[in-house]
């Protein structure tokens, strides 16, 4: 077949068709072949494990009059092709291709297409010079566009020079893959930008998918305000995955501590803080499923950190989120409060001791003047102090003087009986002196059993009684 006739056949055939050399070099192709198989060497378009069979099929087709066909995997993931070869002339072969995806890939493609048609999203791509190749999706309506309207235009001329999209496109065409979030008056966009690379690894363009996350734009605006607040308040929010890799780091406190998102996001915090066993232990506790709060010194700041495990729907820990705040001033305030409380407790103890003094009036005799109300706390303090004094001074007599007590109730009377019973167990005789008439009347009405306790009219009478029983004068 002469070359003009061959060119006519290539241009007019809707089937992917190519003219090859025996070595597999593509001499001529039609548009359908370029779209479905690609240009360049055929071997480069076929999976490396299929190339030996491909070479054998071409050889057999060249030496015979029959068509030789075989199924191969293309270099494009998930695509297969039935390639057919037949002899064109003494030096070349014809080749046709029937390209198909495997069943799993087709189901996945249909599912993705169905989801995309229902999503409030935008998908677009451009070449290495910024010329838009694809622009589609319902989300274009938020921008006042329709699918395909921007195709053929250059993104660098379509948007003003100071537009953020210029920087985004340049970063992606430089080989960077990243997420970008933007809140406008009409939508809350989360976009992913990825470079398009050829077989050699060179960037030949970009592709992007943007999804509108919020029908309620006010919610998106509040989220943006919240993010701005976090960036200014003296707190830090951070998160790590199950392996310890930092996935989020935001807040003004981090800057004060000499840390930033660029320093930590993407790095393993268990390694970054490897010299701080306490912090590593805190993170491991959270990764093990324990929610807890700790205070750790960092530089000249006391930082309070709350760790909260993040779980998947099945309850498995898949990461940790944490909030850190500057607790330095609060801890100083709490320390001052504790000092004041300790001082008050000390003063209260001193007042209690002054309220129930224990006086050694004779060498073997201790006197305890009771003034005011005798409640449970005061009775316990008096009992402990009196028992210690009885043992320390080897006292034989303990006198409870109620001259200063105006009234008693059942609890007070029971406390007195307990004190007398307790000192008796130590070999010391307890006496009650100075009972006023009103108190005596109350004790009788309360039916308190004082038959085992000696009562005397006054402290003077009690001292005389002790002297008669063998107590020695104090020297």
Protein backbone atom coordinates (compact mmCIF):
# COMPACT_ATOMS: atom_id res chain seq x y z
CA UNK A 1 0.00 0.00 0.00
CA UNK A 2 1.47 3.36 -0.99
CA UNK A 3 1.93 6.09 1.63
CA UNK A 4 -0.92 8.42 0.46
CA UNK A 5 -3.36 5.54 0.62
CA UNK A 6 -2.03 4.57 4.02
CA UNK A 7 -2.46 8.13 5.31
CA UNK A 8 -6.05 8.16 4.04
CA UNK A 9 -6.76 4.88 5.80
CA UNK A 10 -5.26 6.14 9.07
CA UNK A 11 -7.20 9.39 9.03
CA UNK A 12 -10.52 7.81 8.18
CA UNK A 13 -10.44 4.73 10.40
CA UNK A 14 -12.26 5.09 13.77
CA UNK A 15 -10.44 2.04 15.10
CA UNK A 16 -7.08 2.62 16.83
CA UNK A 17 -4.68 1.92 13.95
CA UNK A 18 -0.90 2.24 13.56
CA UNK A 19 1.85 1.39 11.08
CA UNK A 20 4.89 -0.16 12.78
CA UNK A 21 8.39 -1.21 11.98
CA UNK A 22 9.35 -4.78 12.76
CA UNK A 23 11.09 -3.50 15.92
CA UNK A 24 7.83 -1.95 17.14
CA UNK A 25 8.60 1.70 16.36
CA UNK A 26 5.43 3.61 15.44
CA UNK A 27 5.84 5.08 11.95
CA UNK A 28 2.31 6.48 11.68
CA UNK A 29 -0.76 6.48 13.91
CA UNK A 30 -4.29 7.79 13.78
CA UNK A 31 -5.96 9.90 16.46
CA UNK A 32 -7.82 6.91 17.91
CA UNK A 33 -4.51 5.04 18.47
CA UNK A 34 -2.89 8.07 20.11
CA UNK A 35 -5.86 8.48 22.46
CA UNK A 36 -6.16 4.84 23.45
CA UNK A 37 -2.60 3.48 23.26
CA UNK A 38 -0.30 6.50 23.06
CA UNK A 39 2.60 7.62 20.91
CA UNK A 40 6.23 6.52 20.79
CA UNK A 41 7.55 2.99 20.92
CA UNK A 42 4.87 0.31 21.28
CA UNK A 43 7.07 -1.62 23.71
CA UNK A 44 7.09 1.40 26.01
CA UNK A 45 3.26 1.44 26.02
CA UNK A 46 3.01 -2.23 27.07
CA UNK A 47 3.73 -3.74 30.46
CA UNK A 48 7.31 -5.02 30.64
CA UNK A 49 6.19 -8.61 31.35
CA UNK A 50 4.25 -8.66 28.06
CA UNK A 51 7.04 -7.38 25.77
CA UNK A 52 8.57 -10.74 24.86
CA UNK A 53 5.20 -12.09 23.70
CA UNK A 54 4.62 -8.82 21.85
CA UNK A 55 7.88 -9.18 19.89
CA UNK A 56 7.05 -12.80 19.01
CA UNK A 57 3.58 -11.82 17.72
CA UNK A 58 5.06 -9.14 15.46
CA UNK A 59 7.64 -11.60 14.09
CA UNK A 60 4.99 -14.25 13.34
CA UNK A 61 2.74 -11.70 11.62
CA UNK A 62 5.62 -10.50 9.44
CA UNK A 63 6.63 -13.96 8.21
CA UNK A 64 3.08 -15.22 7.58
CA UNK A 65 0.00 -14.11 5.72
CA UNK A 66 -2.22 -14.52 8.81
CA UNK A 67 -3.20 -11.93 11.40
CA UNK A 68 -1.57 -12.45 14.80
CA UNK A 69 -3.46 -11.24 17.89
CA UNK A 70 -2.70 -11.25 21.63
CA UNK A 71 -4.04 -9.67 24.85
CA UNK A 72 -1.60 -7.47 26.75
CA UNK A 73 -1.56 -5.16 29.74
CA UNK A 74 -0.85 -1.57 28.90
CA UNK A 75 1.40 0.61 31.01
CA UNK A 76 -1.71 2.55 32.04
CA UNK A 77 -2.92 1.00 35.30
CA UNK A 78 -6.02 -1.14 34.97
CA UNK A 79 -6.13 -1.15 31.13
CA UNK A 80 -5.82 -4.13 28.82
CA UNK A 81 -5.72 -4.26 25.03
CA UNK A 82 -6.14 -6.81 22.28
CA UNK A 83 -3.44 -6.02 19.73
CA UNK A 84 -3.67 -7.45 16.20
CA UNK A 85 -0.77 -7.42 13.68
CA UNK A 86 -0.65 -8.15 9.93
CA UNK A 87 1.92 -7.55 7.26
CA UNK A 88 1.72 -4.26 5.32
CA UNK A 89 4.77 -4.55 3.03
CA UNK A 90 8.33 -5.85 3.03
CA UNK A 91 9.34 -3.66 5.97
CA UNK A 92 6.27 -2.68 7.99
CA UNK A 93 3.25 -4.04 9.86
CA UNK A 94 -0.26 -2.81 10.46
CA UNK A 95 -1.49 -2.90 14.06
CA UNK A 96 -4.94 -2.33 15.53
CA UNK A 97 -5.92 -2.09 19.17
CA UNK A 98 -9.08 -2.80 21.11
CA UNK A 99 -8.56 -1.28 24.55
CA UNK A 100 -10.66 -2.17 27.56
CA UNK A 101 -10.48 -1.87 31.32
CA UNK A 102 -10.80 -4.90 33.56
CA UNK A 103 -14.17 -5.47 35.23
CA UNK A 104 -13.10 -4.09 38.59
CA UNK A 105 -11.71 -0.91 37.08
CA UNK A 106 -14.86 -0.37 35.01
CA UNK A 107 -17.08 -0.72 38.08
CA UNK A 108 -14.85 1.73 39.92
CA UNK A 109 -14.94 4.17 37.00
CA UNK A 110 -18.74 4.00 36.77
CA UNK A 111 -19.07 4.54 40.51
CA UNK A 112 -16.73 7.53 40.47
CA UNK A 113 -18.52 9.05 37.49
CA UNK A 114 -21.92 8.61 39.15
CA UNK A 115 -20.67 10.20 42.37
CA UNK A 116 -19.07 13.08 40.48
CA UNK A 117 -22.30 13.88 38.64
CA UNK A 118 -24.08 14.29 42.01
CA UNK A 119 -21.30 16.10 43.88
CA UNK A 120 -20.95 19.86 44.20
CA UNK A 121 -17.44 19.66 42.76
CA UNK A 122 -15.08 20.90 40.05
CA UNK A 123 -12.46 18.92 38.16
CA UNK A 124 -9.99 20.64 35.87
CA UNK A 125 -6.55 20.22 34.36
CA UNK A 126 -4.03 22.20 32.38
CA UNK A 127 -0.80 21.58 30.50
CA UNK A 128 2.70 22.67 31.51
CA UNK A 129 2.09 26.18 30.08
CA UNK A 130 -1.16 26.66 32.00
CA UNK A 131 -3.53 26.03 29.07
CA UNK A 132 -6.77 24.58 30.44
CA UNK A 133 -7.50 21.15 28.97
CA UNK A 134 -10.53 20.16 31.06
CA UNK A 135 -13.09 22.07 33.14
CA UNK A 136 -16.15 20.19 34.36
CA UNK A 137 -18.49 19.70 37.32
CA UNK A 138 -21.60 21.14 38.98
CA UNK A 139 -19.47 23.35 41.20
CA UNK A 140 -18.57 25.61 38.26
CA UNK A 141 -21.95 27.27 38.73
CA UNK A 142 -20.62 28.92 41.93
CA UNK A 143 -18.06 30.67 39.74
CA UNK A 144 -20.59 31.67 37.09
CA UNK A 145 -19.16 29.14 34.62
CA UNK A 146 -20.47 26.15 32.70
CA UNK A 147 -18.55 22.94 31.92
CA UNK A 148 -16.02 23.42 29.14
CA UNK A 149 -16.28 27.22 29.08
CA UNK A 150 -12.66 27.75 30.18
CA UNK A 151 -11.11 25.03 28.01
CA UNK A 152 -8.43 26.45 25.74
CA UNK A 153 -7.82 29.52 27.92
CA UNK A 154 -4.61 30.07 29.86
CA UNK A 155 -4.98 30.07 33.63
CA UNK A 156 -2.28 32.73 34.06
CA UNK A 157 -4.21 35.13 31.81
CA UNK A 158 -7.66 34.10 32.97
CA UNK A 159 -7.04 35.21 36.59
CA UNK A 160 -5.49 38.48 37.87
CA UNK A 161 -1.71 38.38 38.55
CA UNK A 162 -2.19 38.55 42.33
CA UNK A 163 -4.71 35.68 42.42
CA UNK A 164 -3.79 32.75 44.67
CA UNK A 165 -4.36 30.32 41.77
CA UNK A 166 -1.13 31.56 40.13
CA UNK A 167 0.96 30.38 43.08
CA UNK A 168 -1.00 27.14 43.35
CA UNK A 169 -0.53 26.25 39.68
CA UNK A 170 3.17 27.11 39.74
CA UNK A 171 3.74 24.94 42.83
CA UNK A 172 1.92 22.00 41.25
CA UNK A 173 3.73 22.35 37.93
CA UNK A 174 6.95 22.34 39.95
CA UNK A 175 6.04 18.84 41.11
CA UNK A 176 4.26 19.47 44.44
CA UNK A 177 1.09 17.67 45.51
CA UNK A 178 -0.97 19.40 48.20
CA UNK A 179 -4.41 20.27 49.60
CA UNK A 180 -5.78 23.80 49.58
CA UNK A 181 -8.78 25.15 51.51
CA UNK A 182 -10.69 28.30 50.60
CA UNK A 183 -13.86 29.88 51.98
CA UNK A 184 -15.75 32.28 49.73
CA UNK A 185 -19.11 34.00 49.99
CA UNK A 186 -20.74 31.11 48.14
CA UNK A 187 -18.84 27.96 49.05
CA UNK A 188 -16.24 26.23 51.21
CA UNK A 189 -13.77 24.53 48.87
CA UNK A 190 -11.31 21.79 49.67
CA UNK A 191 -9.09 21.12 46.66
CA UNK A 192 -6.32 18.66 45.87
CA UNK A 193 -3.70 19.50 43.25
CA UNK A 194 -1.48 16.82 41.70
CA UNK A 195 1.09 17.04 38.91
CA UNK A 196 0.56 15.11 35.68
CA UNK A 197 3.77 13.35 34.68
CA UNK A 198 4.79 11.51 31.53
CA UNK A 199 6.59 8.16 31.28
CA UNK A 200 9.95 9.84 31.93
CA UNK A 201 8.69 11.50 35.10
CA UNK A 202 8.60 15.03 33.68
CA UNK A 203 5.65 17.21 34.70
CA UNK A 204 3.41 17.83 31.69
CA UNK A 205 0.55 19.55 33.50
CA UNK A 206 -1.70 19.35 36.55
CA UNK A 207 -5.05 17.99 37.57
CA UNK A 208 -7.26 19.24 40.36
CA UNK A 209 -10.43 18.18 42.16
CA UNK A 210 -12.32 20.71 44.31
CA UNK A 211 -15.26 19.78 46.54
CA UNK A 212 -17.69 22.18 48.16
CA UNK A 213 -17.81 20.97 51.77
CA UNK A 214 -20.55 23.20 53.13
CA UNK A 215 -23.99 24.03 51.88
CA UNK A 216 -24.22 26.29 54.94
CA UNK A 217 -21.51 28.80 54.07
CA UNK A 218 -21.93 30.46 57.46
CA UNK A 219 -20.62 27.24 59.02
CA UNK A 220 -17.58 27.45 56.77
CA UNK A 221 -17.09 31.08 57.73
CA UNK A 222 -17.29 30.18 61.43
CA UNK A 223 -14.70 27.46 60.79
CA UNK A 224 -12.45 30.05 59.20
CA UNK A 225 -12.92 32.41 62.17
CA UNK A 226 -12.15 29.52 64.51
CA UNK A 227 -8.95 28.78 62.61
CA UNK A 228 -7.94 32.45 62.85
CA UNK A 229 -8.65 32.44 66.61
CA UNK A 230 -6.54 29.33 67.10
CA UNK A 231 -3.74 31.04 65.22
CA UNK A 232 -3.82 33.98 67.66
CA UNK A 233 -4.79 32.53 71.07
CA UNK A 234 -2.06 31.22 73.44
CA UNK A 235 -2.96 27.61 72.65
CA UNK A 236 -1.83 24.93 70.23
CA UNK A 237 -3.86 22.17 68.61
CA UNK A 238 -2.01 19.21 67.18
CA UNK A 239 -2.74 15.71 65.98
CA UNK A 240 -0.79 12.60 65.10
CA UNK A 241 -1.66 9.35 63.35
CA UNK A 242 -1.32 5.86 64.82
CA UNK A 243 2.39 5.77 63.93
CA UNK A 244 3.10 9.09 65.65
CA UNK A 245 3.35 11.23 62.49
CA UNK A 246 2.13 14.80 63.01
CA UNK A 247 -0.87 15.62 60.80
CA UNK A 248 -1.86 18.98 62.33
CA UNK A 249 -0.08 21.72 64.24
CA UNK A 250 -1.75 25.11 64.70
CA UNK A 251 -1.86 27.88 67.27
CA UNK A 252 0.11 30.82 68.64
CA UNK A 253 1.58 28.91 71.59
CA UNK A 254 3.66 26.75 69.27
CA UNK A 255 5.44 29.81 67.89
CA UNK A 256 6.31 30.94 71.42
CA UNK A 257 7.80 27.52 72.08
CA UNK A 258 9.87 27.66 68.90
CA UNK A 259 7.74 25.20 66.90
CA UNK A 260 5.74 25.60 63.68
CA UNK A 261 3.64 23.49 61.34
CA UNK A 262 6.42 23.44 58.76
CA UNK A 263 8.78 22.01 61.41
CA UNK A 264 6.49 19.23 62.62
CA UNK A 265 3.73 18.27 60.15
CA UNK A 266 4.77 15.12 58.34
CA UNK A 267 7.40 14.23 60.93
CA UNK A 268 7.19 11.55 63.61
CA UNK A 269 6.68 13.28 66.97
CA UNK A 270 7.92 10.22 68.87
CA UNK A 271 11.26 10.83 67.17
CA UNK A 272 11.20 14.63 67.30
CA UNK A 273 10.73 14.51 71.09
CA UNK A 274 12.95 11.47 71.53
CA UNK A 275 14.98 13.28 74.20
CA UNK A 276 11.85 13.92 76.29
CA UNK A 277 10.81 10.59 77.80
CA UNK A 278 7.91 12.24 79.61
CA UNK A 279 6.35 13.66 76.42
CA UNK A 280 6.92 10.43 74.45
CA UNK A 281 5.27 8.48 77.29
CA UNK A 282 2.28 10.87 77.23
CA UNK A 283 1.78 10.34 73.48
CA UNK A 284 2.11 6.56 73.77
CA UNK A 285 -0.50 6.51 76.54
CA UNK A 286 -2.92 8.34 74.24
CA UNK A 287 -2.09 6.03 71.30
CA UNK A 288 -2.89 3.12 73.64
CA UNK A 289 -6.38 4.56 74.10
CA UNK A 290 -6.05 6.61 77.33
CA UNK A 291 -7.45 10.13 77.53
CA UNK A 292 -5.44 12.16 80.04
CA UNK A 293 -4.17 15.61 81.02
CA UNK A 294 -0.57 16.41 81.94
CA UNK A 295 1.51 19.50 82.68
CA UNK A 296 5.00 19.59 81.15
CA UNK A 297 7.73 22.23 81.27
CA UNK A 298 8.76 23.56 77.86
CA UNK A 299 11.35 26.31 77.79
CA UNK A 300 10.19 28.78 80.47
CA UNK A 301 6.53 27.78 80.15
CA UNK A 302 4.38 25.27 81.99
CA UNK A 303 2.20 23.66 79.31
CA UNK A 304 -1.00 21.79 80.15
CA UNK A 305 -1.80 19.21 77.44
CA UNK A 306 -5.00 17.20 77.06
CA UNK A 307 -4.59 14.08 74.91
CA UNK A 308 -7.70 12.50 73.33
CA UNK A 309 -7.48 9.23 71.32
CA UNK A 310 -9.18 9.27 67.89
CA UNK A 311 -11.03 6.05 67.02
CA UNK A 312 -12.51 4.63 63.84
CA UNK A 313 -16.16 3.45 63.68
CA UNK A 314 -15.03 0.07 65.06
CA UNK A 315 -13.37 1.59 68.13
CA UNK A 316 -9.77 1.12 66.98
CA UNK A 317 -7.39 3.95 67.83
CA UNK A 318 -6.25 5.55 64.57
CA UNK A 319 -4.55 8.61 66.02
CA UNK A 320 -4.53 11.27 68.72
CA UNK A 321 -5.64 14.87 68.89
CA UNK A 322 -4.40 17.17 71.62
CA UNK A 323 -4.81 20.71 72.91
CA UNK A 324 -2.01 22.53 74.72
CA UNK A 325 -2.37 25.74 76.74
CA UNK A 326 -0.06 27.99 78.71
CA UNK A 327 -0.70 27.10 82.36
CA UNK A 328 2.19 29.08 83.87
CA UNK A 329 0.16 31.92 85.40
CA UNK A 330 -2.59 29.58 86.54
CA UNK A 331 -0.11 27.29 88.28
CA UNK A 332 1.55 30.28 90.00
CA UNK A 333 -1.90 31.43 91.15
CA UNK A 334 -2.78 27.93 92.36
CA UNK A 335 0.53 27.76 94.24
CA UNK A 336 -0.25 31.06 95.98
CA UNK A 337 -3.74 29.85 96.83
CA UNK A 338 -2.27 26.64 98.28
CA UNK A 339 0.17 28.69 100.36
CA UNK A 340 -2.75 30.70 101.73
CA UNK A 341 -4.73 27.54 102.46
CA UNK A 342 -1.73 26.01 104.25
CA UNK A 343 -1.33 29.20 106.28
CA UNK A 344 -5.02 29.20 107.19
CA UNK A 345 -4.83 25.53 108.20
CA UNK A 346 -1.76 26.26 110.34
CA UNK A 347 -3.47 29.20 111.99
CA UNK A 348 -6.60 27.13 112.55
CA UNK A 349 -4.51 24.43 114.19
CA UNK A 350 -2.85 27.04 116.44
CA UNK A 351 -6.23 28.48 117.39
CA UNK A 352 -7.55 24.99 118.13
CA UNK A 353 -4.56 24.29 120.36
CA UNK A 354 -5.05 27.61 122.16
CA UNK A 355 -8.74 26.80 122.52
CA UNK A 356 -7.98 23.54 124.40
CA UNK A 357 -4.76 24.15 126.35
CA UNK A 358 -3.36 21.30 128.40
CA UNK A 359 -1.84 22.56 131.70
CA UNK A 360 0.27 20.52 134.07
CA UNK A 361 -1.04 21.98 137.36
CA UNK A 362 0.66 19.29 139.49
CA UNK A 363 3.39 16.82 138.63
CA UNK A 364 0.86 14.04 138.14
CA UNK A 365 -2.14 16.19 137.23
CA UNK A 366 -3.16 17.66 133.87
CA UNK A 367 -5.97 20.19 133.50
CA UNK A 368 -7.89 20.95 130.29
CA UNK A 369 -10.07 24.11 130.47
CA UNK A 370 -12.93 23.74 127.98
CA UNK A 371 -14.40 27.04 126.75
CA UNK A 372 -17.20 27.54 124.24
CA UNK A 373 -18.72 24.85 122.01
CA UNK A 374 -17.14 21.40 121.87
CA UNK A 375 -17.85 20.07 118.38
CA UNK A 376 -16.61 16.82 116.82
CA UNK A 377 -13.46 18.31 115.23
CA UNK A 378 -12.45 20.11 118.43
CA UNK A 379 -13.19 17.02 120.56
CA UNK A 380 -10.99 14.88 118.29
CA UNK A 381 -8.16 17.43 118.49
CA UNK A 382 -8.47 17.68 122.28
CA UNK A 383 -8.57 13.89 122.69
CA UNK A 384 -5.41 13.37 120.60
CA UNK A 385 -3.48 16.12 122.38
CA UNK A 386 -4.57 14.94 125.85
CA UNK A 387 -3.62 11.31 125.19
CA UNK A 388 -0.16 12.36 123.98
CA UNK A 389 0.31 14.57 127.07
CA UNK A 390 -0.79 11.77 129.44
CA UNK A 391 1.77 9.38 127.97
CA UNK A 392 4.56 11.96 127.71
CA UNK A 393 4.17 13.29 131.29
CA UNK A 394 3.08 10.01 132.95
CA UNK A 395 0.03 11.79 134.42
CA UNK A 396 -2.21 10.03 136.94
CA UNK A 397 -5.10 12.49 136.73
CA UNK A 398 -6.75 14.45 133.89
CA UNK A 399 -9.20 17.20 134.80
CA UNK A 400 -11.74 18.44 132.25
CA UNK A 401 -12.89 21.85 133.54
CA UNK A 402 -16.29 22.91 132.11
CA UNK A 403 -16.44 26.24 133.94
CA UNK A 404 -16.44 28.06 130.59
CA UNK A 405 -19.13 25.89 128.99
CA UNK A 406 -22.59 27.50 128.96
CA UNK A 407 -24.56 24.67 127.35
CA UNK A 408 -24.12 21.15 126.05
CA UNK A 409 -25.98 18.83 123.74
CA UNK A 410 -25.94 15.07 123.26
CA UNK A 411 -22.91 15.14 120.96
CA UNK A 412 -20.88 17.32 123.37
CA UNK A 413 -21.75 15.04 126.30
CA UNK A 414 -20.76 11.95 124.33
CA UNK A 415 -17.42 13.58 123.41
CA UNK A 416 -16.68 14.20 127.10
CA UNK A 417 -17.45 10.58 127.96
CA UNK A 418 -15.18 9.36 125.16
CA UNK A 419 -12.30 11.53 126.41
CA UNK A 420 -12.67 10.21 129.97
CA UNK A 421 -12.87 6.58 128.75
CA UNK A 422 -9.82 7.00 126.56
CA UNK A 423 -7.53 8.41 129.28
CA UNK A 424 -8.72 5.67 131.65
CA UNK A 425 -7.34 3.06 129.22
CA UNK A 426 -3.89 4.68 129.72
CA UNK A 427 -4.08 4.28 133.51
CA UNK A 428 -5.06 7.89 134.10
CA UNK A 429 -8.18 8.85 136.06
CA UNK A 430 -10.35 11.42 134.35
CA UNK A 431 -12.46 13.94 136.28
CA UNK A 432 -14.98 16.58 135.20
CA UNK A 433 -15.06 19.83 137.13
CA UNK A 434 -16.93 23.13 137.08
CA UNK A 435 -20.27 21.84 135.78
CA UNK A 436 -22.73 24.75 135.82
CA UNK A 437 -26.32 24.21 137.02
CA UNK A 438 -27.72 24.70 133.50
CA UNK A 439 -25.27 22.15 132.12
CA UNK A 440 -26.06 19.70 134.90
CA UNK A 441 -29.78 20.03 134.18
CA UNK A 442 -29.17 19.39 130.47
CA UNK A 443 -26.98 16.33 131.14
CA UNK A 444 -29.70 14.80 133.34
CA UNK A 445 -32.29 15.46 130.63
CA UNK A 446 -30.08 13.85 128.01
CA UNK A 447 -29.68 10.73 130.14
CA UNK A 448 -25.90 10.71 129.72
CA UNK A 449 -24.25 8.01 131.81
CA UNK A 450 -21.55 9.66 133.97
CA UNK A 451 -21.66 7.10 136.79
CA UNK A 452 -18.15 5.89 135.95
CA UNK A 453 -16.76 9.43 135.95
CA UNK A 454 -15.87 11.52 139.02
CA UNK A 455 -17.39 15.00 138.94
CA UNK A 456 -16.36 17.78 141.29
CA UNK A 457 -17.71 21.25 141.88
CA UNK A 458 -14.55 23.19 140.97
CA UNK A 459 -10.99 22.81 139.82
CA UNK A 460 -9.83 23.62 143.37
CA UNK A 461 -11.83 20.71 144.77
CA UNK A 462 -10.42 18.43 142.09
CA UNK A 463 -6.84 19.43 143.02
CA UNK A 464 -7.51 18.72 146.69
CA UNK A 465 -8.93 15.33 145.73
CA UNK A 466 -5.87 14.54 143.62
CA UNK A 467 -3.57 15.57 146.51
CA UNK A 468 -5.45 13.26 148.83
CA UNK A 469 -5.07 10.45 146.34
CA UNK A 470 -1.30 10.84 146.21
CA UNK A 471 -0.58 13.43 143.56
CA UNK A 472 2.73 15.27 144.08
CA UNK A 473 3.07 19.06 143.90
CA UNK A 474 4.65 20.40 140.78
CA UNK A 475 8.30 21.44 141.30
